[in-house]
C-alpha atoms as a PDB file:
ATOM      1  CA  UNK A   1      12.468  18.066   9.594  1.00  0.00           C
ATOM      2  CA  UNK A   2      10.880  17.645   6.495  1.00  0.00           C
ATOM      3  CA  UNK A   3       8.343  19.850   4.881  1.00  0.00           C
ATOM      4  CA  UNK A   4       5.776  17.041   5.354  1.00  0.00           C
ATOM      5  CA  UNK A   5       6.510  16.380   8.812  1.00  0.00           C
ATOM      6  CA  UNK A   6       6.210  20.290   9.659  1.00  0.00           C
ATOM      7  CA  UNK A   7       2.822  20.355   8.126  1.00  0.00           C
ATOM      8  CA  UNK A   8       1.540  17.408  10.020  1.00  0.00           C
ATOM      9  CA  UNK A   9       2.929  18.548  13.397  1.00  0.00           C
ATOM     10  CA  UNK A  10       1.881  21.998  13.145  1.00  0.00           C
ATOM     11  CA  UNK A  11      -1.778  21.640  13.109  1.00  0.00           C
ATOM     12  CA  UNK A  12      -4.714  19.301  13.526  1.00  0.00           C
ATOM     13  CA  UNK A  13      -4.014  17.474  10.038  1.00  0.00           C
ATOM     14  CA  UNK A  14      -6.547  14.818  10.311  1.00  0.00           C
ATOM     15  CA  UNK A  15      -9.482  17.101  10.031  1.00  0.00           C
ATOM     16  CA  UNK A  16      -8.676  17.965   6.546  1.00  0.00           C
ATOM     17  CA  UNK A  17      -8.013  14.393   5.419  1.00  0.00           C
ATOM     18  CA  UNK A  18     -11.329  12.840   5.554  1.00  0.00           C
ATOM     19  CA  UNK A  19     -12.107  13.383   1.755  1.00  0.00           C
ATOM     20  CA  UNK A  20      -8.831  11.272   0.982  1.00  0.00           C
ATOM     21  CA  UNK A  21     -10.101   8.331   3.072  1.00  0.00           C
ATOM     22  CA  UNK A  22     -12.991   6.936   1.196  1.00  0.00           C
ATOM     23  CA  UNK A  23     -12.972   3.271   0.192  1.00  0.00           C
ATOM     24  CA  UNK A  24     -11.493   2.554  -3.175  1.00  0.00           C
ATOM     25  CA  UNK A  25     -13.515   1.062  -5.962  1.00  0.00           C
ATOM     26  CA  UNK A  26     -12.622  -2.568  -7.123  1.00  0.00           C
ATOM     27  CA  UNK A  27      -9.938  -2.852  -9.921  1.00  0.00           C
ATOM     28  CA  UNK A  28     -10.905  -6.437 -10.678  1.00  0.00           C
ATOM     29  CA  UNK A  29     -13.872  -8.317 -12.180  1.00  0.00           C
ATOM     30  CA  UNK A  30     -15.910  -8.572  -8.893  1.00  0.00           C
ATOM     31  CA  UNK A  31     -18.345  -5.612  -8.013  1.00  0.00           C
ATOM     32  CA  UNK A  32     -17.262  -2.574  -6.397  1.00  0.00           C
ATOM     33  CA  UNK A  33     -18.765  -3.515  -3.109  1.00  0.00           C
ATOM     34  CA  UNK A  34     -19.700  -7.190  -2.236  1.00  0.00           C
ATOM     35  CA  UNK A  35     -23.327  -7.871  -1.409  1.00  0.00           C
ATOM     36  CA  UNK A  36     -22.921  -8.318   2.475  1.00  0.00           C
ATOM     37  CA  UNK A  37     -26.416  -8.406   3.431  1.00  0.00           C
ATOM     38  CA  UNK A  38     -28.181  -6.496   6.097  1.00  0.00           C
ATOM     39  CA  UNK A  39     -26.430  -5.051   9.028  1.00  0.00           C
ATOM     40  CA  UNK A  40     -26.493  -7.501  11.967  1.00  0.00           C
ATOM     41  CA  UNK A  41     -26.006  -6.870  15.893  1.00  0.00           C
ATOM     42  CA  UNK A  42     -23.248  -5.313  17.611  1.00  0.00           C
ATOM     43  CA  UNK A  43     -21.573  -7.258  20.108  1.00  0.00           C
ATOM     44  CA  UNK A  44     -20.586  -4.358  22.604  1.00  0.00           C
ATOM     45  CA  UNK A  45     -21.248  -1.068  20.691  1.00  0.00           C
ATOM     46  CA  UNK A  46     -24.897   0.709  20.590  1.00  0.00           C
ATOM     47  CA  UNK A  47     -25.713   2.109  17.180  1.00  0.00           C
ATOM     48  CA  UNK A  48     -26.291   5.594  18.429  1.00  0.00           C
ATOM     49  CA  UNK A  49     -22.800   5.604  19.843  1.00  0.00           C
ATOM     50  CA  UNK A  50     -21.121   4.472  16.517  1.00  0.00           C
ATOM     51  CA  UNK A  51     -23.040   6.976  14.739  1.00  0.00           C
ATOM     52  CA  UNK A  52     -21.550   9.630  16.936  1.00  0.00           C
ATOM     53  CA  UNK A  53     -18.133   8.463  16.427  1.00  0.00           C
ATOM     54  CA  UNK A  54     -18.022   9.716  12.925  1.00  0.00           C
ATOM     55  CA  UNK A  55     -17.338   8.218   9.679  1.00  0.00           C
ATOM     56  CA  UNK A  56     -15.781   4.705   9.050  1.00  0.00           C
ATOM     57  CA  UNK A  57     -11.945   4.679   8.562  1.00  0.00           C
ATOM     58  CA  UNK A  58     -11.161   1.010   8.199  1.00  0.00           C
ATOM     59  CA  UNK A  59      -8.116  -0.359   6.580  1.00  0.00           C
ATOM     60  CA  UNK A  60      -7.011  -4.047   5.531  1.00  0.00           C
ATOM     61  CA  UNK A  61      -3.339  -4.766   5.667  1.00  0.00           C
ATOM     62  CA  UNK A  62      -2.211  -6.120   2.293  1.00  0.00           C
ATOM     63  CA  UNK A  63      -1.068  -9.724   2.709  1.00  0.00           C
ATOM     64  CA  UNK A  64       2.037 -10.759   1.090  1.00  0.00           C
ATOM     65  CA  UNK A  65       3.132 -14.460   1.565  1.00  0.00           C
ATOM     66  CA  UNK A  66       4.134 -17.567   0.041  1.00  0.00           C
ATOM     67  CA  UNK A  67       1.730 -20.323  -1.123  1.00  0.00           C
ATOM     68  CA  UNK A  68       3.117 -22.730   1.273  1.00  0.00           C
ATOM     69  CA  UNK A  69       2.591 -20.460   4.222  1.00  0.00           C
ATOM     70  CA  UNK A  70      -0.004 -19.931   6.800  1.00  0.00           C
ATOM     71  CA  UNK A  71      -2.319 -17.210   5.562  1.00  0.00           C
ATOM     72  CA  UNK A  72      -3.133 -14.537   8.205  1.00  0.00           C
ATOM     73  CA  UNK A  73      -5.367 -11.498   6.992  1.00  0.00           C
ATOM     74  CA  UNK A  74      -5.295  -8.647   9.335  1.00  0.00           C
ATOM     75  CA  UNK A  75      -6.441  -5.008   9.513  1.00  0.00           C
ATOM     76  CA  UNK A  76      -7.873  -2.078  11.800  1.00  0.00           C
ATOM     77  CA  UNK A  77     -11.263  -0.723  12.309  1.00  0.00           C
ATOM     78  CA  UNK A  78     -11.997   3.071  13.154  1.00  0.00           C
ATOM     79  CA  UNK A  79     -14.216   5.889  13.050  1.00  0.00           C
ATOM     80  CA  UNK A  80     -13.134   9.260  12.874  1.00  0.00           C
ATOM     81  CA  UNK A  81     -15.263  12.466  13.663  1.00  0.00           C
ATOM     82  CA  UNK A  82     -14.279  16.140  12.893  1.00  0.00           C
ATOM     83  CA  UNK A  83     -15.495  18.981  15.152  1.00  0.00           C
ATOM     84  CA  UNK A  84     -16.180  22.008  13.089  1.00  0.00           C
ATOM     85  CA  UNK A  85     -13.688  20.932  10.603  1.00  0.00           C
ATOM     86  CA  UNK A  86     -10.740  21.624  12.817  1.00  0.00           C
ATOM     87  CA  UNK A  87     -10.345  18.760  15.329  1.00  0.00           C
ATOM     88  CA  UNK A  88     -10.778  14.955  14.906  1.00  0.00           C
ATOM     89  CA  UNK A  89     -11.201  12.205  17.285  1.00  0.00           C
ATOM     90  CA  UNK A  90     -10.377   8.717  16.426  1.00  0.00           C
ATOM     91  CA  UNK A  91     -12.192   5.691  17.961  1.00  0.00           C
ATOM     92  CA  UNK A  92     -11.275   1.998  17.501  1.00  0.00           C
ATOM     93  CA  UNK A  93     -14.032  -0.538  17.222  1.00  0.00           C
ATOM     94  CA  UNK A  94     -13.586  -2.555  20.015  1.00  0.00           C
ATOM     95  CA  UNK A  95     -14.746  -6.583  20.257  1.00  0.00           C
ATOM     96  CA  UNK A  96     -16.897  -6.546  17.117  1.00  0.00           C
ATOM     97  CA  UNK A  97     -17.267  -9.193  14.486  1.00  0.00           C
ATOM     98  CA  UNK A  98     -15.697  -8.688  11.089  1.00  0.00           C
ATOM     99  CA  UNK A  99     -16.213 -10.650   7.838  1.00  0.00           C
ATOM    100  CA  UNK A 100     -13.522 -11.099   5.298  1.00  0.00           C
ATOM    101  CA  UNK A 101     -14.389 -11.692   1.859  1.00  0.00           C
ATOM    102  CA  UNK A 102     -12.178 -12.398  -1.313  1.00  0.00           C
ATOM    103  CA  UNK A 103     -12.755 -12.409  -5.055  1.00  0.00           C
ATOM    104  CA  UNK A 104     -12.871 -15.862  -6.141  1.00  0.00           C
ATOM    105  CA  UNK A 105     -13.595 -16.989 -10.037  1.00  0.00           C
ATOM    106  CA  UNK A 106     -15.359 -13.437 -10.331  1.00  0.00           C
ATOM    107  CA  UNK A 107     -17.665 -13.626  -7.191  1.00  0.00           C
ATOM    108  CA  UNK A 108     -17.339 -12.424  -3.603  1.00  0.00           C
ATOM    109  CA  UNK A 109     -17.128 -15.515  -1.172  1.00  0.00           C
ATOM    110  CA  UNK A 110     -16.778 -15.501   2.550  1.00  0.00           C
ATOM    111  CA  UNK A 111     -13.121 -16.378   3.756  1.00  0.00           C
ATOM    112  CA  UNK A 112     -13.950 -16.249   7.523  1.00  0.00           C
ATOM    113  CA  UNK A 113     -15.117 -14.184  10.520  1.00  0.00           C
ATOM    114  CA  UNK A 114     -13.216 -12.853  13.436  1.00  0.00           C
ATOM    115  CA  UNK A 115     -13.183 -10.214  16.263  1.00  0.00           C
ATOM    116  CA  UNK A 116     -11.514  -6.975  16.907  1.00  0.00           C
ATOM    117  CA  UNK A 117      -9.325  -6.483  20.021  1.00  0.00           C
ATOM    118  CA  UNK A 118      -9.371  -3.210  22.134  1.00  0.00           C
ATOM    119  CA  UNK A 119      -7.253  -1.157  19.506  1.00  0.00           C
ATOM    120  CA  UNK A 120      -9.796  -2.325  16.667  1.00  0.00           C
ATOM    121  CA  UNK A 121      -7.608  -4.594  15.163  1.00  0.00           C
ATOM    122  CA  UNK A 122      -8.264  -8.083  13.731  1.00  0.00           C
ATOM    123  CA  UNK A 123      -6.546 -10.970  12.318  1.00  0.00           C
ATOM    124  CA  UNK A 124      -8.071 -14.019  10.640  1.00  0.00           C
ATOM    125  CA  UNK A 125      -6.079 -17.097  10.147  1.00  0.00           C
ATOM    126  CA  UNK A 126      -7.371 -18.513   7.137  1.00  0.00           C
ATOM    127  CA  UNK A 127      -7.971 -22.501   7.128  1.00  0.00           C
ATOM    128  CA  UNK A 128      -6.119 -24.314   4.359  1.00  0.00           C
ATOM    129  CA  UNK A 129      -9.380 -25.891   2.770  1.00  0.00           C
ATOM    130  CA  UNK A 130     -10.292 -22.031   2.167  1.00  0.00           C
ATOM    131  CA  UNK A 131      -6.844 -20.855   1.690  1.00  0.00           C
ATOM    132  CA  UNK A 132      -6.218 -18.132  -1.156  1.00  0.00           C
ATOM    133  CA  UNK A 133      -5.096 -19.421  -4.336  1.00  0.00           C
ATOM    134  CA  UNK A 134      -1.722 -18.280  -5.871  1.00  0.00           C
ATOM    135  CA  UNK A 135      -2.038 -14.717  -7.352  1.00  0.00           C
ATOM    136  CA  UNK A 136      -3.368 -11.392  -6.472  1.00  0.00           C
ATOM    137  CA  UNK A 137      -6.619 -11.515  -4.841  1.00  0.00           C
ATOM    138  CA  UNK A 138      -8.780  -8.798  -3.882  1.00  0.00           C
ATOM    139  CA  UNK A 139     -10.379  -8.863  -0.207  1.00  0.00           C
ATOM    140  CA  UNK A 140     -12.952  -6.855   1.357  1.00  0.00           C
ATOM    141  CA  UNK A 141     -13.521  -6.513   5.281  1.00  0.00           C
ATOM    142  CA  UNK A 142     -17.050  -5.791   6.507  1.00  0.00           C
ATOM    143  CA  UNK A 143     -18.178  -4.505   9.926  1.00  0.00           C
ATOM    144  CA  UNK A 144     -21.099  -6.835  10.608  1.00  0.00           C
ATOM    145  CA  UNK A 145     -22.771  -4.244  12.851  1.00  0.00           C
ATOM    146  CA  UNK A 146     -23.237  -1.408  10.059  1.00  0.00           C
ATOM    147  CA  UNK A 147     -21.492  -3.383   7.197  1.00  0.00           C
ATOM    148  CA  UNK A 148     -19.050  -0.409   6.617  1.00  0.00           C
ATOM    149  CA  UNK A 149     -15.801  -1.827   4.863  1.00  0.00           C
ATOM    150  CA  UNK A 150     -12.858  -1.395   3.229  1.00  0.00           C
ATOM    151  CA  UNK A 151     -10.844  -3.272   0.204  1.00  0.00           C
ATOM    152  CA  UNK A 152      -7.503  -4.503   0.171  1.00  0.00           C
ATOM    153  CA  UNK A 153      -5.216  -7.199  -1.415  1.00  0.00           C
ATOM    154  CA  UNK A 154      -3.533 -10.409  -1.131  1.00  0.00           C
ATOM    155  CA  UNK A 155      -0.454 -11.405  -3.259  1.00  0.00           C
ATOM    156  CA  UNK A 156       0.042 -15.277  -2.818  1.00  0.00           C
ATOM    157  CA  UNK A 157       3.003 -16.582  -4.758  1.00  0.00           C
ATOM    158  CA  UNK A 158       5.308 -19.402  -4.993  1.00  0.00           C
ATOM    159  CA  UNK A 159       8.742 -19.296  -2.877  1.00  0.00           C
ATOM    160  CA  UNK A 160      11.397 -17.050  -4.533  1.00  0.00           C
ATOM    161  CA  UNK A 161       9.000 -15.115  -6.685  1.00  0.00           C
ATOM    162  CA  UNK A 162      10.725 -11.945  -7.553  1.00  0.00           C
ATOM    163  CA  UNK A 163       9.050  -8.505  -6.804  1.00  0.00           C
ATOM    164  CA  UNK A 164       9.520  -4.879  -7.869  1.00  0.00           C
ATOM    165  CA  UNK A 165       9.640  -2.657  -4.803  1.00  0.00           C
ATOM    166  CA  UNK A 166       8.924   1.087  -5.469  1.00  0.00           C
ATOM    167  CA  UNK A 167       9.028   4.259  -3.356  1.00  0.00           C
ATOM    168  CA  UNK A 168       5.848   6.533  -4.098  1.00  0.00           C
ATOM    169  CA  UNK A 169       6.595  10.201  -2.985  1.00  0.00           C
ATOM    170  CA  UNK A 170       9.026  12.064  -5.627  1.00  0.00           C
ATOM    171  CA  UNK A 171       9.555   8.668  -6.983  1.00  0.00           C
ATOM    172  CA  UNK A 172       6.085   8.133  -8.893  1.00  0.00           C
ATOM    173  CA  UNK A 173       4.606  11.483  -7.987  1.00  0.00           C
ATOM    174  CA  UNK A 174       6.085  14.322  -9.563  1.00  0.00           C
ATOM    175  CA  UNK A 175       7.716  15.749  -6.519  1.00  0.00           C
ATOM    176  CA  UNK A 176       8.629  14.682  -2.961  1.00  0.00           C
ATOM    177  CA  UNK A 177       5.958  17.039  -1.390  1.00  0.00           C
ATOM    178  CA  UNK A 178       3.227  16.933  -4.067  1.00  0.00           C
ATOM    179  CA  UNK A 179       1.020  14.900  -2.001  1.00  0.00           C
ATOM    180  CA  UNK A 180       1.399  16.487   1.427  1.00  0.00           C
ATOM    181  CA  UNK A 181       0.907  19.851  -0.428  1.00  0.00           C
ATOM    182  CA  UNK A 182      -2.244  18.678  -1.849  1.00  0.00           C
ATOM    183  CA  UNK A 183      -3.749  18.058   1.698  1.00  0.00           C
ATOM    184  CA  UNK A 184      -4.052  21.771   1.987  1.00  0.00           C
ATOM    185  CA  UNK A 185      -4.129  23.192  -1.453  1.00  0.00           C
ATOM    186  CA  UNK A 186      -6.427  20.208  -2.922  1.00  0.00           C
ATOM    187  CA  UNK A 187      -4.572  20.292  -6.002  1.00  0.00           C
ATOM    188  CA  UNK A 188      -4.200  17.316  -8.199  1.00  0.00           C
ATOM    189  CA  UNK A 189      -1.016  15.397  -7.558  1.00  0.00           C
ATOM    190  CA  UNK A 190       0.371  14.327 -11.064  1.00  0.00           C
ATOM    191  CA  UNK A 191       2.767  11.241 -11.697  1.00  0.00           C
ATOM    192  CA  UNK A 192       6.195  11.614 -13.217  1.00  0.00           C
ATOM    193  CA  UNK A 193       5.877  11.148 -16.726  1.00  0.00           C
ATOM    194  CA  UNK A 194       6.348   7.804 -18.176  1.00  0.00           C
ATOM    195  CA  UNK A 195       6.265   6.211 -14.556  1.00  0.00           C
ATOM    196  CA  UNK A 196       2.985   4.041 -15.124  1.00  0.00           C
ATOM    197  CA  UNK A 197       4.322   2.956 -18.132  1.00  0.00           C
ATOM    198  CA  UNK A 198       7.487   1.978 -16.787  1.00  0.00           C
ATOM    199  CA  UNK A 199       6.119  -0.095 -14.158  1.00  0.00           C
ATOM    200  CA  UNK A 200       3.720  -1.907 -16.216  1.00  0.00           C
ATOM    201  CA  UNK A 201       6.568  -3.130 -18.279  1.00  0.00           C
ATOM    202  CA  UNK A 202       8.213  -4.617 -15.323  1.00  0.00           C
ATOM    203  CA  UNK A 203       4.900  -6.285 -14.547  1.00  0.00           C
ATOM    204  CA  UNK A 204       4.952  -7.765 -18.153  1.00  0.00           C
ATOM    205  CA  UNK A 205       8.452  -8.875 -17.484  1.00  0.00           C
ATOM    206  CA  UNK A 206       6.973 -11.275 -14.629  1.00  0.00           C
ATOM    207  CA  UNK A 207       7.638  -8.981 -11.455  1.00  0.00           C
ATOM    208  CA  UNK A 208       4.737  -8.345  -8.951  1.00  0.00           C
ATOM    209  CA  UNK A 209       4.657  -4.686  -8.006  1.00  0.00           C
ATOM    210  CA  UNK A 210       4.918  -3.586  -4.400  1.00  0.00           C
ATOM    211  CA  UNK A 211       4.535   0.040  -3.234  1.00  0.00           C
ATOM    212  CA  UNK A 212       6.415   0.857  -0.144  1.00  0.00           C
ATOM    213  CA  UNK A 213       5.963   4.483   1.176  1.00  0.00           C
ATOM    214  CA  UNK A 214       6.862   6.186   4.485  1.00  0.00           C
ATOM    215  CA  UNK A 215       3.280   7.806   4.321  1.00  0.00           C
ATOM    216  CA  UNK A 216       1.085   6.970   7.469  1.00  0.00           C
ATOM    217  CA  UNK A 217      -1.227   4.186   7.473  1.00  0.00           C
ATOM    218  CA  UNK A 218      -3.930   6.560   7.569  1.00  0.00           C
ATOM    219  CA  UNK A 219      -3.299   7.465   3.902  1.00  0.00           C
ATOM    220  CA  UNK A 220      -3.787   3.831   2.511  1.00  0.00           C
ATOM    221  CA  UNK A 221      -6.953   4.380   0.795  1.00  0.00           C
ATOM    222  CA  UNK A 222      -5.699   7.791  -0.639  1.00  0.00           C
ATOM    223  CA  UNK A 223      -2.648   6.069  -1.861  1.00  0.00           C
ATOM    224  CA  UNK A 224      -4.390   2.977  -3.323  1.00  0.00           C
ATOM    225  CA  UNK A 225      -6.821   5.459  -5.284  1.00  0.00           C
ATOM    226  CA  UNK A 226      -4.146   7.798  -6.706  1.00  0.00           C
ATOM    227  CA  UNK A 227      -1.987   4.681  -7.927  1.00  0.00           C
ATOM    228  CA  UNK A 228      -5.324   3.288  -9.696  1.00  0.00           C
ATOM    229  CA  UNK A 229      -6.423   6.515 -11.109  1.00  0.00           C
ATOM    230  CA  UNK A 230      -2.697   7.326 -12.525  1.00  0.00           C
ATOM    231  CA  UNK A 231      -2.764   3.857 -14.267  1.00  0.00           C
ATOM    232  CA  UNK A 232      -0.059   2.294 -12.171  1.00  0.00           C
ATOM    233  CA  UNK A 233      -0.430  -1.756 -12.114  1.00  0.00           C
ATOM    234  CA  UNK A 234      -2.218  -3.033  -9.287  1.00  0.00           C
ATOM    235  CA  UNK A 235      -0.257  -4.477  -6.286  1.00  0.00           C
ATOM    236  CA  UNK A 236       0.170  -4.603  -2.483  1.00  0.00           C
ATOM    237  CA  UNK A 237       0.945  -1.330  -0.376  1.00  0.00           C
ATOM    238  CA  UNK A 238       3.381  -1.037   2.415  1.00  0.00           C
ATOM    239  CA  UNK A 239       2.716   2.063   4.723  1.00  0.00           C
ATOM    240  CA  UNK A 240       4.289   3.044   8.032  1.00  0.00           C
ATOM    241  CA  UNK A 241       2.663   2.412  11.302  1.00  0.00           C
ATOM    242  CA  UNK A 242       3.632   5.859  12.704  1.00  0.00           C
ATOM    243  CA  UNK A 243       1.707   9.036  11.163  1.00  0.00           C
ATOM    244  CA  UNK A 244       4.882  10.960  10.572  1.00  0.00           C
ATOM    245  CA  UNK A 245       8.204   9.073   9.617  1.00  0.00           C
ATOM    246  CA  UNK A 246      10.993  11.727   9.271  1.00  0.00           C
ATOM    247  CA  UNK A 247      13.485  11.535   6.308  1.00  0.00           C
ATOM    248  CA  UNK A 248      16.918   9.844   6.984  1.00  0.00           C
ATOM    249  CA  UNK A 249      17.597   7.137   9.562  1.00  0.00           C
ATOM    250  CA  UNK A 250      13.880   6.817  10.415  1.00  0.00           C
ATOM    251  CA  UNK A 251      12.744   6.008   6.853  1.00  0.00           C
ATOM    252  CA  UNK A 252      15.941   3.742   6.275  1.00  0.00           C
ATOM    253  CA  UNK A 253      14.821   1.811   9.147  1.00  0.00           C
ATOM    254  CA  UNK A 254      11.251   1.553   8.320  1.00  0.00           C
ATOM    255  CA  UNK A 255      11.725   0.522   4.862  1.00  0.00           C
ATOM    256  CA  UNK A 256      14.464  -1.761   5.433  1.00  0.00           C
ATOM    257  CA  UNK A 257      12.505  -3.303   8.057  1.00  0.00           C
ATOM    258  CA  UNK A 258       9.322  -3.765   5.918  1.00  0.00           C
ATOM    259  CA  UNK A 259      11.448  -5.435   3.208  1.00  0.00           C
ATOM    260  CA  UNK A 260      12.888  -7.915   5.519  1.00  0.00           C
ATOM    261  CA  UNK A 261       9.637  -9.108   6.513  1.00  0.00           C
ATOM    262  CA  UNK A 262       8.941  -9.583   2.797  1.00  0.00           C
ATOM    263  CA  UNK A 263      12.016 -11.214   2.147  1.00  0.00           C
ATOM    264  CA  UNK A 264      11.553 -13.585   5.318  1.00  0.00           C
ATOM    265  CA  UNK A 265       8.389 -14.535   3.767  1.00  0.00           C
ATOM    266  CA  UNK A 266      10.594 -16.306   0.924  1.00  0.00           C
ATOM    267  CA  UNK A 267      10.165 -13.442  -1.828  1.00  0.00           C
ATOM    268  CA  UNK A 268      13.085 -11.828  -3.834  1.00  0.00           C
ATOM    269  CA  UNK A 269      13.353  -8.317  -4.387  1.00  0.00           C
ATOM    270  CA  UNK A 270      14.722  -8.362  -7.846  1.00  0.00           C
ATOM    271  CA  UNK A 271      14.042  -4.334  -8.537  1.00  0.00           C
ATOM    272  CA  UNK A 272      14.112  -1.332  -6.309  1.00  0.00           C
ATOM    273  CA  UNK A 273      13.110   2.148  -7.294  1.00  0.00           C
ATOM    274  CA  UNK A 274      13.332   5.346  -5.375  1.00  0.00           C
ATOM    275  CA  UNK A 275      14.467   8.974  -5.524  1.00  0.00           C
ATOM    276  CA  UNK A 276      16.584   9.152  -2.439  1.00  0.00           C
ATOM    277  CA  UNK A 277      19.673   7.982  -1.082  1.00  0.00           C
ATOM    278  CA  UNK A 278      17.530   6.863   1.842  1.00  0.00           C
ATOM    279  CA  UNK A 279      15.875   4.363  -0.589  1.00  0.00           C
ATOM    280  CA  UNK A 280      19.171   3.126  -1.844  1.00  0.00           C
ATOM    281  CA  UNK A 281      20.294   2.458   1.798  1.00  0.00           C
ATOM    282  CA  UNK A 282      17.084   0.543   2.551  1.00  0.00           C
ATOM    283  CA  UNK A 283      17.351  -1.475  -0.587  1.00  0.00           C
ATOM    284  CA  UNK A 284      20.972  -2.170  -0.017  1.00  0.00           C
ATOM    285  CA  UNK A 285      20.349  -3.364   3.795  1.00  0.00           C
ATOM    286  CA  UNK A 286      18.082  -6.186   2.267  1.00  0.00           C
ATOM    287  CA  UNK A 287      20.694  -7.311  -0.340  1.00  0.00           C
ATOM    288  CA  UNK A 288      19.442  -5.863  -3.584  1.00  0.00           C
ATOM    289  CA  UNK A 289      22.231  -5.544  -5.966  1.00  0.00           C
ATOM    290  CA  UNK A 290      23.220  -2.079  -6.868  1.00  0.00           C
ATOM    291  CA  UNK A 291      22.609  -2.727 -10.561  1.00  0.00           C
ATOM    292  CA  UNK A 292      19.216  -3.491  -9.695  1.00  0.00           C
ATOM    293  CA  UNK A 293      18.615  -0.155  -7.549  1.00  0.00           C
ATOM    294  CA  UNK A 294      17.176   2.673  -9.719  1.00  0.00           C
ATOM    295  CA  UNK A 295      17.196   5.990  -8.464  1.00  0.00           C
ATOM    296  CA  UNK A 296      15.142   8.823 -10.136  1.00  0.00           C
ATOM    297  CA  UNK A 297      17.153  12.257 -10.297  1.00  0.00           C
ATOM    298  CA  UNK A 298      14.656  14.878 -10.778  1.00  0.00           C
ATOM    299  CA  UNK A 299      14.279  17.368  -7.865  1.00  0.00           C
ATOM    300  CA  UNK A 300      17.634  19.572  -7.809  1.00  0.00           C
ATOM    301  CA  UNK A 301      17.566  19.822  -3.982  1.00  0.00           C
ATOM    302  CA  UNK A 302      18.199  16.215  -3.872  1.00  0.00           C
ATOM    303  CA  UNK A 303      21.109  16.097  -6.589  1.00  0.00           C
ATOM    304  CA  UNK A 304      23.883  16.382  -3.657  1.00  0.00           C
ATOM    305  CA  UNK A 305      22.757  12.915  -2.229  1.00  0.00           C
ATOM    306  CA  UNK A 306      21.957  11.245  -5.356  1.00  0.00           C
ATOM    307  CA  UNK A 307      24.786  12.195  -7.586  1.00  0.00           C
ATOM    308  CA  UNK A 308      27.558  10.590  -5.580  1.00  0.00           C
ATOM    309  CA  UNK A 309      25.518   7.189  -5.813  1.00  0.00           C
ATOM    310  CA  UNK A 310      26.153   7.677  -9.692  1.00  0.00           C
ATOM    311  CA  UNK A 311      29.754   8.643  -9.406  1.00  0.00           C
ATOM    312  CA  UNK A 312      30.301   5.691  -7.040  1.00  0.00           C
ATOM    313  CA  UNK A 313      28.192   3.124  -9.167  1.00  0.00           C
ATOM    314  CA  UNK A 314      26.161   2.283  -5.767  1.00  0.00           C
ATOM    315  CA  UNK A 315      22.849   2.652  -7.932  1.00  0.00           C
ATOM    316  CA  UNK A 316      21.764   3.156 -11.368  1.00  0.00           C
ATOM    317  CA  UNK A 317      20.647   6.712 -11.568  1.00  0.00           C
ATOM    318  CA  UNK A 318      18.219   7.920 -14.355  1.00  0.00           C
ATOM    319  CA  UNK A 319      16.443  11.089 -15.378  1.00  0.00           C
ATOM    320  CA  UNK A 320      13.432   9.885 -17.264  1.00  0.00           C
ATOM    321  CA  UNK A 321      11.086   6.827 -16.990  1.00  0.00           C
ATOM    322  CA  UNK A 322      10.826   7.041 -20.990  1.00  0.00           C
ATOM    323  CA  UNK A 323      14.296   6.360 -21.547  1.00  0.00           C
ATOM    324  CA  UNK A 324      14.497   3.841 -18.853  1.00  0.00           C
ATOM    325  CA  UNK A 325      11.807   2.132 -20.440  1.00  0.00           C
ATOM    326  CA  UNK A 326      13.892   0.231 -22.874  1.00  0.00           C
ATOM    327  CA  UNK A 327      16.261  -1.033 -20.202  1.00  0.00           C
ATOM    328  CA  UNK A 328      13.353  -2.347 -18.162  1.00  0.00           C
ATOM    329  CA  UNK A 329      11.702  -4.202 -21.291  1.00  0.00           C
ATOM    330  CA  UNK A 330      15.384  -5.853 -21.862  1.00  0.00           C
ATOM    331  CA  UNK A 331      14.965  -7.474 -18.339  1.00  0.00           C
ATOM    332  CA  UNK A 332      14.969 -11.169 -18.721  1.00  0.00           C
ATOM    333  CA  UNK A 333      11.631 -12.633 -17.777  1.00  0.00           C
ATOM    334  CA  UNK A 334      10.761 -13.713 -14.565  1.00  0.00           C
ATOM    335  CA  UNK A 335       8.177 -15.627 -12.283  1.00  0.00           C
ATOM    336  CA  UNK A 336       7.393 -17.800 -15.465  1.00  0.00           C
ATOM    337  CA  UNK A 337       5.294 -20.323 -13.339  1.00  0.00           C
ATOM    338  CA  UNK A 338       3.371 -17.918 -11.705  1.00  0.00           C
ATOM    339  CA  UNK A 339      -0.236 -18.119 -13.243  1.00  0.00           C
ATOM    340  CA  UNK A 340      -2.282 -14.873 -13.640  1.00  0.00           C
ATOM    341  CA  UNK A 341      -3.693 -13.150 -10.728  1.00  0.00           C
ATOM    342  CA  UNK A 342      -7.217 -14.095  -9.535  1.00  0.00           C
ATOM    343  CA  UNK A 343      -9.591 -11.218 -10.951  1.00  0.00           C
ATOM    344  CA  UNK A 344      -6.526  -9.142 -12.152  1.00  0.00           C
ATOM    345  CA  UNK A 345      -7.207  -6.306 -14.489  1.00  0.00           C
ATOM    346  CA  UNK A 346      -5.878  -6.788 -17.798  1.00  0.00           C
END
């Protein structure tokens, strides 16, 4: 079992995470928080009950879909409450109204309304007449009862658009356990030298960036905020449904499954980046060529699983993002017909 898993299973970890779950400010040309108006009526809950549930911990699931597909926006609404800083309860918001807004032409506009289910989850089937345009669009979910909310993203692109899929922990962060350790030490998590610039180079070659991590979905906002603060290009996230995903087979199964869903939505994974053998196996499972799988070799404890990949030419193993910069820069331009993202930060 990994150090991360042992940490999470050893104590009531949720109680120390509330500081990492604040909504992420906008990175595009819309305001940080849309003007959603005054709070409305609750359908089922009572205001004093919601207040007792604790702090809002909502999450929109980033949408990744082709432009000719039905757009279905989804997410989850929860409230968490810590007791003496040691124990945390989690309450789903049941059968309440949710509004979804999108940043269009530098302004927030309503996409539609829907209702949560018994698990606090919601889905909004977007009518064709109000469908999101091609590009990367910022979304925002707003709970009508108290106007708490969360930001997230939608990537709409033509069929066969090429993506870069990158792992996060140990691949972009400066060590595999930097993030889980920080939950206890509160130390800042550094990025690997040159990693933000390398991914920005790939973005400029035309690839959209998708971040795929086996972190649990609870860490969505913390992950989004860290990527933004470290200067990584904006892009959709995919996190695991399970709070803990163990290294090895479980990670391969989760990541390959997440990528298969993306491929089935008519995208092409043109480049895959990771730092473990499990990353290579997941990319291979969805047909990424060995010449397009990049494995970052840094932590000595992983050399035994990474070095054979280099010897057997099963992946491109590299030790410096700075030196890899020229290789990424030399890749052919892709997605030349794709327009700029809606409101994407330049």
